Amino acid sequence: MTHSPHASLLPRPVQGPLRRTYARREDFPSLTKVYSQLSRTAREAGLLDRAPWFYALTGAGIALGLGGAVTGFVLLGDSWFQLLIAAALGILFTQVAFLAHEAAHRQILASGPANDSLARVLGGIVGMSYSWWDSKHSRHHANPNRVRKDPDIEVDTISFLEEDAAEARGLRRLLTRKQGWLFFPLLTLEGINLHFLSLKHLVTEKQVKGRWIELALFAVRFPLLLVPVFAFLPLGMACAFMGVQLAVFGVYMGASFAPNHKGMPVIARDAKLDFFSKQVRTSRNIRGGWWATWLMGGLNYQIEHHLFPSMARPHLARARVLVREFCRTHDVPYTETSLLRSYAIVVGYLNRVGLAARDPFDCPITAQYRRA
């Protein structure tokens, strides 16, 4: 049986078109001891053990795929079928990013430093700074969907909170009004954005662990990708190749991370919540079994991942059974839906938030007659 978030846990509108309250401590019954019991049960079941065989096979499969893409690029030559190779690279780079994410969470290797080194190298292959991502993602895990503490709901091009949407100006205000419908088209630019933010972090931040290693990886990665493309393909085809690769990478990355928390309860900044409550109630799982796990790099088990960040991907399905039972026993909503339904929820949520960017003097009924 699949549970949905209680209505009382969702952001509740209050008086005024641009104000909103959020889930507070009284909305979440304290379940401090539950997580200790759950964690002990998971450990006894072997769910926190490493899975080196799985990651060895996964890494070998991705390496084989990259080798096939390079071979296909050479054999195809001056052909518009190269765009298929570009799309394949976008998919393969995203799969590498999934492994970098898991290494950063200590899921792959035995020691922390070894996982950090692996994550840094894999990030370099993708064109992302591990140090930038790790800082941002660690804050997200500590405070998922918490106002002003979760960087994943901070305003960027997209506004995830009504107060941010209300403050949008100029072009961003126009985009915000329809941001739900524009969300996936905008993801085609996310690959460029990730590269830009990573380089900006490495160049401008004062203290960056591993700065020169990551810059060296970038200095090798980008020429290694760009030189063959622009040297062996006509200029227009080369630009199209890079455009497709970046667009597929951006959409795949965004479409894998977006269903996890968007449209779930948003927590007030000053709320004091136990670990189990805030992780389960702000996360959403995606149904689908093994194919969803492969497609999303284990992010389909978002609830279990947030409860056990270092749990290896192959163990998440078994952990799901355990967590669902604990949630049922303690009357905690466990949210799980289909992939397409999750996208509909994300689009709807962003459109509702985007209403705050509408002119407060614009009457919807009057506007409808004006258009008629």
Protein backbone atom coordinates (compact mmCIF):
# COMPACT_ATOMS: atom_id res chain seq x y z
CA MET A 1 0.00 0.00 0.00
CA THR A 2 1.33 3.46 -0.89
CA HIS A 3 0.80 6.38 1.47
CA SER A 4 0.60 10.03 0.46
CA PRO A 5 1.67 13.03 2.51
CA HIS A 6 -1.01 14.19 4.98
CA ALA A 7 -2.68 17.39 3.89
CA SER A 8 -1.64 19.05 7.14
CA LEU A 9 2.02 18.55 6.23
CA LEU A 10 1.86 20.40 2.95
CA PRO A 11 2.65 24.12 2.73
CA ARG A 12 -0.55 25.87 3.82
CA PRO A 13 -1.65 29.20 2.31
CA VAL A 14 -2.48 31.98 4.76
CA GLN A 15 -4.03 35.39 4.30
CA GLY A 16 -2.46 37.37 1.48
CA PRO A 17 -1.62 36.27 -2.06
CA LEU A 18 2.16 36.08 -1.56
CA ARG A 19 2.52 34.49 1.88
CA ARG A 20 2.82 30.85 2.86
CA THR A 21 3.44 28.88 6.02
CA TYR A 22 5.42 25.66 6.21
CA ALA A 23 5.42 22.41 8.15
CA ARG A 24 6.63 23.01 11.69
CA ARG A 25 7.60 20.86 14.63
CA GLU A 26 4.02 20.20 15.76
CA ASP A 27 3.24 18.70 12.32
CA PHE A 28 5.86 15.97 12.82
CA PRO A 29 5.48 13.67 15.86
CA SER A 30 8.88 12.92 17.39
CA LEU A 31 10.28 9.57 16.24
CA THR A 32 13.83 9.84 17.53
CA LYS A 33 14.07 6.21 18.71
CA VAL A 34 12.56 4.81 15.53
CA TYR A 35 15.61 5.56 13.43
CA SER A 36 17.92 3.87 15.93
CA GLN A 37 15.79 0.73 15.77
CA LEU A 38 15.60 0.88 11.98
CA SER A 39 19.33 1.41 11.59
CA ARG A 40 20.12 -1.52 13.86
CA THR A 41 17.76 -3.78 11.92
CA ALA A 42 19.27 -2.72 8.60
CA ARG A 43 22.80 -3.38 9.85
CA GLU A 44 21.89 -6.82 11.18
CA ALA A 45 20.35 -7.67 7.81
CA GLY A 46 23.62 -6.81 6.05
CA LEU A 47 22.11 -3.87 4.19
CA LEU A 48 24.96 -1.54 5.12
CA ASP A 49 27.62 -3.85 3.67
CA ARG A 50 29.62 -2.83 0.59
CA ALA A 51 28.80 -4.27 -2.84
CA PRO A 52 32.13 -4.19 -4.73
CA TRP A 53 31.04 -6.73 -7.32
CA PHE A 54 28.08 -4.57 -8.36
CA TYR A 55 30.14 -1.41 -8.78
CA ALA A 56 32.91 -3.28 -10.59
CA LEU A 57 30.41 -4.61 -13.12
CA THR A 58 28.66 -1.24 -13.43
CA GLY A 59 31.95 0.59 -13.98
CA ALA A 60 33.02 -1.97 -16.56
CA GLY A 61 29.70 -1.61 -18.38
CA ILE A 62 30.00 2.18 -18.53
CA ALA A 63 33.62 1.94 -19.71
CA LEU A 64 32.53 -0.49 -22.42
CA GLY A 65 29.79 1.94 -23.44
CA LEU A 66 32.24 4.85 -23.66
CA GLY A 67 34.57 2.70 -25.72
CA GLY A 68 31.71 1.83 -28.06
CA ALA A 69 30.80 5.53 -28.41
CA VAL A 70 34.36 6.43 -29.34
CA THR A 71 34.48 3.57 -31.86
CA GLY A 72 31.17 4.66 -33.35
CA PHE A 73 32.41 8.24 -33.62
CA VAL A 74 35.47 7.13 -35.59
CA LEU A 75 33.55 4.78 -37.89
CA LEU A 76 30.69 7.18 -38.68
CA GLY A 77 32.91 10.08 -39.71
CA ASP A 78 31.15 13.01 -41.38
CA SER A 79 27.57 11.91 -40.78
CA TRP A 80 24.56 13.37 -39.00
CA PHE A 81 24.20 9.98 -37.33
CA GLN A 82 26.93 11.35 -35.06
CA LEU A 83 24.12 13.00 -33.11
CA LEU A 84 23.19 9.52 -31.86
CA ILE A 85 26.73 9.20 -30.50
CA ALA A 86 26.33 12.60 -28.85
CA ALA A 87 23.10 11.49 -27.17
CA ALA A 88 24.79 8.27 -26.03
CA LEU A 89 27.59 10.29 -24.47
CA GLY A 90 25.03 12.41 -22.61
CA ILE A 91 23.51 9.24 -21.17
CA LEU A 92 26.86 7.67 -20.31
CA PHE A 93 28.17 10.83 -18.62
CA THR A 94 25.03 10.87 -16.46
CA GLN A 95 25.65 7.27 -15.47
CA VAL A 96 29.20 8.27 -14.49
CA ALA A 97 27.69 11.12 -12.44
CA PHE A 98 25.53 8.57 -10.59
CA LEU A 99 28.69 6.66 -9.65
CA ALA A 100 30.37 9.90 -8.53
CA HIS A 101 27.34 10.58 -6.34
CA GLU A 102 27.59 7.14 -4.78
CA ALA A 103 31.34 7.42 -4.22
CA ALA A 104 30.80 10.78 -2.51
CA HIS A 105 28.37 9.04 -0.15
CA ARG A 106 30.96 6.34 0.70
CA GLN A 107 28.94 3.64 -1.02
CA ILE A 108 31.60 2.13 -3.26
CA LEU A 109 35.01 1.75 -1.59
CA ALA A 110 35.96 0.86 1.97
CA SER A 111 37.61 4.10 3.12
CA GLY A 112 36.48 7.71 3.05
CA PRO A 113 39.62 9.12 1.34
CA ALA A 114 39.47 6.44 -1.35
CA ASN A 115 35.83 7.27 -2.08
CA ASP A 116 36.66 10.99 -2.18
CA SER A 117 39.43 10.39 -4.71
CA LEU A 118 37.19 8.21 -6.85
CA ALA A 119 34.37 10.78 -6.73
CA ARG A 120 36.81 13.54 -7.72
CA VAL A 121 38.05 11.57 -10.75
CA LEU A 122 34.54 10.57 -11.85
CA GLY A 123 33.40 14.16 -11.46
CA GLY A 124 36.30 15.23 -13.67
CA ILE A 125 35.18 12.79 -16.37
CA VAL A 126 31.70 14.32 -16.28
CA GLY A 127 32.97 17.91 -16.10
CA MET A 128 31.72 18.67 -12.58
CA SER A 129 33.64 19.83 -9.53
CA TYR A 130 33.41 17.29 -6.73
CA SER A 131 34.25 19.90 -4.09
CA TRP A 132 31.46 22.20 -5.31
CA TRP A 133 28.92 19.40 -5.52
CA ASP A 134 29.87 17.82 -2.18
CA SER A 135 29.40 21.05 -0.23
CA LYS A 136 26.03 21.72 -1.84
CA HIS A 137 24.74 18.17 -1.61
CA SER A 138 25.82 17.66 2.00
CA ARG A 139 23.76 20.69 3.03
CA HIS A 140 20.79 19.28 1.12
CA HIS A 141 21.00 15.93 2.93
CA ALA A 142 21.24 17.64 6.31
CA ASN A 143 18.15 19.79 5.69
CA PRO A 144 16.03 18.52 2.79
CA ASN A 145 13.33 21.00 1.74
CA ARG A 146 14.11 23.30 4.68
CA VAL A 147 13.65 26.98 3.89
CA ARG A 148 16.97 28.85 3.49
CA LYS A 149 18.99 25.79 4.49
CA ASP A 150 18.51 23.43 1.54
CA PRO A 151 20.43 24.80 -1.46
CA ASP A 152 18.31 22.68 -3.80
CA ILE A 153 15.28 24.92 -3.19
CA GLU A 154 17.18 28.20 -3.35
CA VAL A 155 16.13 30.43 -6.22
CA ASP A 156 18.03 30.11 -9.48
CA THR A 157 16.24 30.45 -12.80
CA ILE A 158 13.44 28.43 -11.17
CA SER A 159 11.71 29.59 -7.97
CA PHE A 160 10.78 26.80 -5.56
CA LEU A 161 9.21 29.05 -2.90
CA GLU A 162 6.42 31.59 -3.35
CA GLU A 163 8.34 34.43 -1.70
CA ASP A 164 11.17 33.92 -4.20
CA ALA A 165 8.71 33.85 -7.09
CA ALA A 166 7.09 37.06 -5.86
CA GLU A 167 10.46 38.83 -5.89
CA ALA A 168 11.28 37.82 -9.46
CA ARG A 169 11.85 40.71 -11.85
CA GLY A 170 12.35 41.22 -15.57
CA LEU A 171 12.87 38.14 -17.73
CA ARG A 172 12.97 35.82 -14.72
CA ARG A 173 9.51 37.04 -13.70
CA LEU A 174 8.16 36.14 -17.13
CA LEU A 175 9.78 32.71 -16.92
CA THR A 176 8.56 32.15 -13.37
CA ARG A 177 4.91 32.64 -14.33
CA LYS A 178 5.08 29.50 -16.51
CA GLN A 179 8.06 27.83 -14.86
CA GLY A 180 6.35 24.47 -14.44
CA TRP A 181 5.82 24.09 -18.18
CA LEU A 182 9.29 25.51 -18.87
CA PHE A 183 11.08 23.30 -16.35
CA PHE A 184 12.03 20.44 -18.66
CA PRO A 185 12.89 22.67 -21.67
CA LEU A 186 15.18 24.68 -19.37
CA LEU A 187 16.94 21.47 -18.33
CA THR A 188 18.50 21.36 -21.81
CA LEU A 189 20.76 24.15 -20.52
CA GLU A 190 21.52 22.47 -17.20
CA GLY A 191 24.62 20.70 -18.54
CA ILE A 192 26.20 24.04 -19.42
CA ASN A 193 25.12 25.42 -16.04
CA LEU A 194 26.76 22.55 -14.15
CA HIS A 195 30.05 23.05 -16.01
CA PHE A 196 29.92 26.80 -15.41
CA LEU A 197 29.14 26.57 -11.69
CA SER A 198 31.88 23.99 -11.20
CA LEU A 199 34.55 26.11 -12.89
CA LYS A 200 33.35 29.24 -11.12
CA HIS A 201 33.65 27.46 -7.78
CA LEU A 202 37.17 26.24 -8.52
CA VAL A 203 38.38 29.64 -9.72
CA THR A 204 36.67 32.06 -7.32
CA GLU A 205 36.32 30.27 -3.97
CA LYS A 206 39.12 30.96 -1.49
CA GLN A 207 39.32 27.52 0.08
CA VAL A 208 38.75 24.52 -2.18
CA LYS A 209 40.05 21.09 -1.25
CA GLY A 210 41.65 19.43 -4.27
CA ARG A 211 41.39 22.60 -6.38
CA TRP A 212 44.41 21.92 -8.57
CA ILE A 213 43.60 18.26 -9.06
CA GLU A 214 40.12 19.14 -10.27
CA LEU A 215 41.38 21.95 -12.50
CA ALA A 216 43.90 19.51 -14.00
CA LEU A 217 41.11 17.01 -14.66
CA PHE A 218 39.08 19.75 -16.36
CA ALA A 219 42.12 20.80 -18.41
CA VAL A 220 42.36 17.24 -19.74
CA ARG A 221 38.65 16.47 -20.05
CA PHE A 222 37.42 19.36 -22.16
CA PRO A 223 40.15 19.30 -24.87
CA LEU A 224 39.86 15.52 -25.00
CA LEU A 225 36.17 15.90 -25.84
CA LEU A 226 36.16 19.09 -27.90
CA VAL A 227 39.27 18.69 -30.08
CA PRO A 228 38.20 15.47 -31.88
CA VAL A 229 34.65 16.77 -32.36
CA PHE A 230 35.69 20.07 -33.93
CA ALA A 231 38.72 18.62 -35.73
CA PHE A 232 36.94 15.78 -37.53
CA LEU A 233 33.41 17.12 -38.02
CA PRO A 234 32.21 20.16 -40.04
CA LEU A 235 31.67 23.20 -37.83
CA GLY A 236 27.85 23.08 -37.93
CA MET A 237 27.78 19.34 -37.21
CA ALA A 238 30.32 19.74 -34.41
CA CYS A 239 28.21 22.45 -32.76
CA ALA A 240 25.10 20.28 -33.11
CA PHE A 241 27.02 17.34 -31.61
CA MET A 242 27.98 19.31 -28.52
CA GLY A 243 24.49 20.81 -28.25
CA VAL A 244 22.86 17.37 -28.23
CA GLN A 245 25.40 15.95 -25.79
CA LEU A 246 24.93 18.82 -23.33
CA ALA A 247 21.13 18.84 -23.72
CA VAL A 248 20.77 15.09 -23.11
CA PHE A 249 23.13 15.27 -20.14
CA GLY A 250 21.24 18.20 -18.60
CA VAL A 251 17.77 16.74 -19.11
CA TYR A 252 18.79 13.29 -17.88
CA MET A 253 20.45 14.72 -14.77
CA GLY A 254 17.56 17.04 -13.98
CA ALA A 255 14.88 14.46 -14.70
CA SER A 256 16.61 12.02 -12.33
CA PHE A 257 16.94 14.40 -9.39
CA ALA A 258 13.73 16.48 -9.77
CA PRO A 259 11.17 13.81 -8.68
CA ASN A 260 12.87 13.26 -5.33
CA HIS A 261 11.68 16.25 -3.27
CA LYS A 262 9.88 18.83 -5.42
CA GLY A 263 6.25 19.14 -4.36
CA MET A 264 6.90 17.42 -1.03
CA PRO A 265 6.40 19.21 2.34
CA VAL A 266 8.57 22.28 2.83
CA ILE A 267 9.94 22.70 6.36
CA ALA A 268 10.12 26.01 8.21
CA ARG A 269 13.64 27.28 8.77
CA ASP A 270 13.40 27.21 12.57
CA ALA A 271 11.62 23.85 12.93
CA LYS A 272 13.36 21.28 15.15
CA LEU A 273 12.68 17.83 13.73
CA ASP A 274 14.04 14.36 14.31
CA PHE A 275 16.13 12.77 11.56
CA PHE A 276 13.64 10.05 10.61
CA SER A 277 10.69 12.42 10.24
CA LYS A 278 12.37 15.07 8.12
CA GLN A 279 14.02 12.55 5.78
CA VAL A 280 10.97 10.35 5.15
CA ARG A 281 8.33 13.07 4.93
CA THR A 282 10.25 15.28 2.51
CA SER A 283 11.29 12.50 0.11
CA ARG A 284 9.47 10.67 -2.67
CA ASN A 285 10.22 7.24 -4.13
CA ILE A 286 9.66 6.20 -7.74
CA ARG A 287 8.09 2.83 -8.52
CA GLY A 288 9.57 0.61 -11.21
CA GLY A 289 11.94 -1.87 -9.63
CA TRP A 290 15.20 -2.77 -11.35
CA TRP A 291 14.66 -0.68 -14.50
CA ALA A 292 13.99 2.47 -12.45
CA THR A 293 17.07 1.71 -10.35
CA TRP A 294 19.20 1.46 -13.48
CA LEU A 295 17.63 4.50 -15.12
CA MET A 296 17.97 6.74 -12.05
CA GLY A 297 21.12 5.36 -10.48
CA GLY A 298 19.28 4.29 -7.33
CA LEU A 299 17.70 7.72 -6.83
CA ASN A 300 14.30 6.07 -7.24
CA TYR A 301 14.77 4.88 -3.64
CA GLN A 302 15.12 8.43 -2.37
CA ILE A 303 13.62 7.76 1.06
CA GLU A 304 16.02 4.92 1.78
CA HIS A 305 18.94 6.88 0.34
CA HIS A 306 18.24 9.80 2.69
CA LEU A 307 17.90 7.51 5.69
CA PHE A 308 21.05 5.55 4.80
CA PRO A 309 23.24 7.75 2.52
CA SER A 310 26.12 5.24 2.54
CA MET A 311 23.95 2.25 1.57
CA ALA A 312 25.06 0.61 -1.68
CA ARG A 313 22.62 0.71 -4.57
CA PRO A 314 21.88 -3.07 -4.70
CA HIS A 315 20.61 -3.02 -1.08
CA LEU A 316 18.10 -0.18 -1.48
CA ALA A 317 15.26 -2.40 -2.73
CA ARG A 318 15.47 -4.64 0.36
CA ALA A 319 15.74 -1.59 2.59
CA ARG A 320 12.54 -0.25 1.04
CA VAL A 321 10.58 -3.22 2.38
CA LEU A 322 12.00 -2.63 5.85
CA VAL A 323 11.37 1.15 5.84
CA ARG A 324 7.81 0.79 4.55
CA GLU A 325 7.01 -1.59 7.39
CA PHE A 326 8.45 0.82 9.97
CA CYS A 327 6.44 3.67 8.44
CA ARG A 328 3.26 1.60 8.49
CA THR A 329 3.82 0.59 12.11
CA HIS A 330 4.43 4.17 13.26
CA ASP A 331 1.83 5.81 10.99
CA VAL A 332 4.37 7.81 8.99
CA PRO A 333 3.40 8.69 5.39
CA TYR A 334 5.60 6.85 2.87
CA THR A 335 5.30 8.54 -0.52
CA GLU A 336 5.85 6.51 -3.67
CA THR A 337 4.52 7.10 -7.17
CA SER A 338 5.24 6.45 -10.83
CA LEU A 339 7.91 8.37 -12.73
CA LEU A 340 5.41 10.13 -15.01
CA ARG A 341 3.14 11.00 -12.09
CA SER A 342 6.12 12.49 -10.24
CA TYR A 343 6.86 14.74 -13.21
CA ALA A 344 3.23 15.88 -13.27
CA ILE A 345 3.49 16.70 -9.54
CA VAL A 346 6.70 18.69 -10.11
CA VAL A 347 5.21 20.66 -13.01
CA GLY A 348 2.02 21.38 -11.07
CA TYR A 349 3.91 22.45 -7.95
CA LEU A 350 6.22 24.80 -9.87
CA ASN A 351 3.25 26.34 -11.69
CA ARG A 352 1.47 26.96 -8.37
CA VAL A 353 4.58 28.61 -6.95
CA GLY A 354 4.93 30.63 -10.15
CA LEU A 355 1.52 32.22 -9.60
CA ALA A 356 3.20 34.45 -7.04
CA ALA A 357 5.06 36.15 -9.90
CA ARG A 358 1.78 37.23 -11.50
CA ASP A 359 0.74 40.86 -11.31
CA PRO A 360 -1.32 41.06 -8.06
CA PHE A 361 -3.72 43.47 -9.83
CA ASP A 362 -4.26 41.07 -12.73
CA CYS A 363 -7.68 39.45 -12.32
CA PRO A 364 -7.68 35.98 -13.97
CA ILE A 365 -11.33 36.34 -15.08
CA THR A 366 -10.69 39.77 -16.61
CA ALA A 367 -7.59 38.47 -18.35
CA GLN A 368 -9.61 35.61 -19.81
CA TYR A 369 -12.13 38.04 -21.34
CA ARG A 370 -9.29 40.23 -22.64
CA ARG A 371 -7.82 37.26 -24.48
CA ALA A 372 -11.26 36.46 -25.92
